[in-house]
Amino acid sequence: MRLVDGDNSEPSDTTEQLIERVKAGDTRAFERLVSEHYRFIYKTAFRWLGHKSDAEDVTQSVCLRLADAMHRFDGRSKFTSWLYSVTLNAVRDLQRSHQRQGKQIAAVSVVTREEIDANQEDRLRVNDIWRIVRQLPEKQRDAVLLVYGEQLSQAEAAVIMGCKEVTVSWHIHNARKSLKDLL
């Protein structure tokens, strides 16, 4: 089952050209680059946070950060892999902010209807599973969300997480053990 619509390939064959133009100070190229990747950033933030408003906040934050951060993109990895890292850093910043403020990030929606159709029940179950995944320790959560939520390979997840592929496998293994107890 694919949990994220669209694919993770570059949205445009001109992304590299846009990046070069952005680094040269072209504001229109920056606007286009942000526009092409806005949905990607939002979906990534939403997968980690599970709340529309928090995902919107992170997306706006990442878009603002990109203006200053673009000079740090060196092209050694895909732009989307680098963008994942920038987005995940913003997600973690928001989570730390919420923790300092004593807020609970994961709130469960209350279903008001007594009768729930089968599809809605399945969606609720999937949402419950992702809510529980978000409660895993950081590295386990990141590995599971990247590999199963974003449908990346373990090698791609390793690049984003800044570790070896075998480490991603280990985090997923430990997450499975943890989830078995929680589910």
Protein backbone atom coordinates (compact mmCIF):
# COMPACT_ATOMS: atom_id res chain seq x y z
CA MET A 1 0.00 0.00 0.00
CA ARG A 2 1.43 3.37 -0.97
CA LEU A 3 0.89 5.88 1.82
CA VAL A 4 2.24 8.90 -0.02
CA ASP A 5 0.90 9.92 -3.40
CA GLY A 6 3.27 11.03 -6.10
CA ASP A 7 6.84 9.88 -6.36
CA ASN A 8 10.07 11.06 -4.83
CA SER A 9 11.82 11.83 -8.09
CA GLU A 10 12.77 15.37 -8.96
CA PRO A 11 9.62 17.27 -10.04
CA SER A 12 11.39 19.03 -12.86
CA ASP A 13 14.27 18.26 -15.18
CA THR A 14 15.48 21.82 -14.51
CA THR A 15 15.93 21.55 -10.74
CA GLU A 16 19.72 21.67 -11.04
CA GLN A 17 19.50 24.74 -13.25
CA LEU A 18 17.09 26.41 -10.82
CA ILE A 19 19.48 25.72 -7.95
CA GLU A 20 22.36 27.33 -9.82
CA ARG A 21 20.21 30.37 -10.63
CA VAL A 22 19.08 30.62 -7.00
CA LYS A 23 22.70 30.51 -5.82
CA ALA A 24 23.41 33.34 -8.26
CA GLY A 25 20.69 35.43 -6.61
CA ASP A 26 17.77 34.90 -9.04
CA THR A 27 14.61 35.47 -6.95
CA ARG A 28 12.26 34.15 -9.65
CA ALA A 29 14.19 30.89 -9.73
CA PHE A 30 13.88 30.71 -5.94
CA GLU A 31 10.11 31.25 -6.15
CA ARG A 32 9.81 28.50 -8.75
CA LEU A 33 11.99 26.09 -6.76
CA VAL A 34 9.90 26.67 -3.63
CA SER A 35 6.69 26.34 -5.62
CA GLU A 36 7.79 23.02 -7.15
CA HIS A 37 8.79 21.56 -3.77
CA TYR A 38 6.16 23.10 -1.47
CA ARG A 39 3.87 20.05 -1.52
CA PHE A 40 6.85 17.74 -0.97
CA ILE A 41 7.89 19.72 2.12
CA TYR A 42 4.34 19.82 3.48
CA LYS A 43 3.75 16.08 2.99
CA THR A 44 7.04 15.25 4.70
CA ALA A 45 6.26 17.52 7.66
CA PHE A 46 2.72 16.17 7.94
CA ARG A 47 3.94 12.56 7.94
CA TRP A 48 6.18 13.30 10.92
CA LEU A 49 3.86 15.59 12.86
CA GLY A 50 0.39 14.32 12.00
CA HIS A 51 -1.21 17.76 12.35
CA LYS A 52 -2.14 20.06 9.50
CA SER A 53 -1.36 23.30 11.32
CA ASP A 54 2.02 22.06 12.57
CA ALA A 55 2.90 20.80 9.09
CA GLU A 56 1.94 24.19 7.63
CA ASP A 57 4.12 25.97 10.21
CA VAL A 58 7.09 23.73 9.40
CA THR A 59 6.55 24.15 5.67
CA GLN A 60 6.59 27.94 6.00
CA SER A 61 9.67 27.74 8.21
CA VAL A 62 11.51 25.55 5.69
CA CYS A 63 10.62 27.89 2.83
CA LEU A 64 12.05 30.81 4.80
CA ARG A 65 15.16 28.82 5.73
CA LEU A 66 15.80 27.80 2.14
CA ALA A 67 16.76 31.32 1.14
CA ASP A 68 19.75 31.18 3.51
CA ALA A 69 20.38 27.43 3.29
CA MET A 70 20.67 27.06 -0.49
CA HIS A 71 24.36 27.95 -0.45
CA ARG A 72 24.94 24.83 1.71
CA PHE A 73 23.49 22.46 -0.90
CA ASP A 74 26.57 21.03 -2.59
CA GLY A 75 24.92 18.62 -5.04
CA ARG A 76 26.51 15.45 -3.62
CA SER A 77 23.02 14.04 -2.98
CA LYS A 78 19.67 14.52 -4.67
CA PHE A 79 18.07 17.85 -3.89
CA THR A 80 15.04 16.07 -2.40
CA SER A 81 17.29 14.10 -0.01
CA TRP A 82 18.86 17.34 1.18
CA LEU A 83 15.41 18.94 1.41
CA TYR A 84 14.25 16.00 3.57
CA SER A 85 17.06 16.78 5.99
CA VAL A 86 16.21 20.47 6.13
CA THR A 87 12.54 19.62 6.67
CA LEU A 88 13.26 17.04 9.37
CA ASN A 89 15.45 19.55 11.21
CA ALA A 90 12.54 22.02 11.16
CA VAL A 91 10.19 19.28 12.39
CA ARG A 92 12.52 18.51 15.30
CA ASP A 93 12.81 22.21 16.12
CA LEU A 94 9.02 22.47 16.34
CA GLN A 95 8.80 19.32 18.45
CA ARG A 96 11.41 20.66 20.87
CA SER A 97 9.52 23.94 21.03
CA HIS A 98 6.29 22.11 21.86
CA GLN A 99 8.04 20.05 24.53
CA ARG A 100 9.46 23.17 26.16
CA GLN A 101 5.97 24.66 26.20
CA GLY A 102 4.55 21.48 27.71
CA LYS A 103 2.18 20.83 24.80
CA GLN A 104 1.15 17.40 23.63
CA ILE A 105 1.80 17.03 19.88
CA ALA A 106 -0.13 13.86 19.16
CA ALA A 107 -3.88 14.40 19.68
CA VAL A 108 -6.34 11.82 18.48
CA SER A 109 -9.41 12.82 16.50
CA VAL A 110 -12.71 11.89 18.07
CA VAL A 111 -15.10 10.08 15.80
CA THR A 112 -18.60 11.34 16.45
CA ARG A 113 -20.53 8.97 14.24
CA GLU A 114 -21.59 5.68 15.74
CA GLU A 115 -21.59 3.92 12.39
CA ILE A 116 -18.25 3.80 10.65
CA ASP A 117 -17.91 2.42 7.16
CA ALA A 118 -15.15 -0.11 6.46
CA ASN A 119 -12.93 2.36 4.61
CA GLN A 120 -13.18 4.90 7.40
CA GLU A 121 -12.37 2.22 9.96
CA ASP A 122 -9.28 1.22 7.95
CA ARG A 123 -8.19 4.87 7.73
CA LEU A 124 -8.62 5.25 11.49
CA ARG A 125 -6.50 2.14 12.07
CA VAL A 126 -3.77 3.43 9.74
CA ASN A 127 -3.86 6.82 11.50
CA ASP A 128 -3.56 5.05 14.87
CA ILE A 129 -0.55 3.10 13.62
CA TRP A 130 1.19 6.27 12.37
CA ARG A 131 0.37 8.01 15.67
CA ILE A 132 2.08 5.17 17.53
CA VAL A 133 5.03 5.21 15.11
CA ARG A 134 5.49 8.93 15.86
CA GLN A 135 5.94 7.99 19.53
CA LEU A 136 8.92 5.71 18.84
CA PRO A 137 12.43 6.89 19.72
CA GLU A 138 13.67 9.42 17.16
CA LYS A 139 15.95 7.20 15.06
CA GLN A 140 13.46 4.33 14.94
CA ARG A 141 10.64 6.72 14.03
CA ASP A 142 12.68 8.37 11.29
CA ALA A 143 13.73 5.04 9.76
CA VAL A 144 10.15 3.70 9.74
CA LEU A 145 8.65 6.89 8.33
CA LEU A 146 11.25 7.21 5.60
CA VAL A 147 11.16 3.57 4.50
CA TYR A 148 7.48 2.72 4.99
CA GLY A 149 5.79 6.12 5.05
CA GLU A 150 7.75 7.81 2.28
CA GLN A 151 8.57 4.52 0.51
CA LEU A 152 12.28 5.28 0.19
CA SER A 153 14.90 2.59 0.00
CA GLN A 154 16.97 1.94 3.10
CA ALA A 155 19.96 3.38 1.23
CA GLU A 156 18.08 6.64 0.57
CA ALA A 157 16.93 6.74 4.19
CA ALA A 158 20.54 6.28 5.31
CA VAL A 159 21.63 9.32 3.28
CA ILE A 160 18.88 11.44 4.81
CA MET A 161 19.55 10.18 8.34
CA GLY A 162 23.32 10.56 7.94
CA CYS A 163 24.12 6.94 8.82
CA LYS A 164 24.89 3.60 7.17
CA GLU A 165 22.23 1.48 5.51
CA VAL A 166 22.77 -1.30 8.05
CA THR A 167 22.02 1.19 10.83
CA VAL A 168 18.68 2.00 9.19
CA SER A 169 17.93 -1.74 9.12
CA TRP A 170 18.80 -1.97 12.80
CA HIS A 171 16.50 0.93 13.69
CA ILE A 172 13.66 -0.68 11.72
CA HIS A 173 14.29 -4.00 13.47
CA ASN A 174 14.10 -2.32 16.88
CA ALA A 175 11.01 -0.37 15.83
CA ARG A 176 9.26 -3.61 14.85
CA LYS A 177 9.98 -5.04 18.29
CA SER A 178 8.68 -1.87 19.97
CA LEU A 179 5.60 -1.72 17.77
CA LYS A 180 4.77 -5.36 18.48
CA ASP A 181 4.42 -4.43 22.14
CA LEU A 182 2.48 -1.22 21.43
CA LEU A 183 0.03 -2.66 18.91
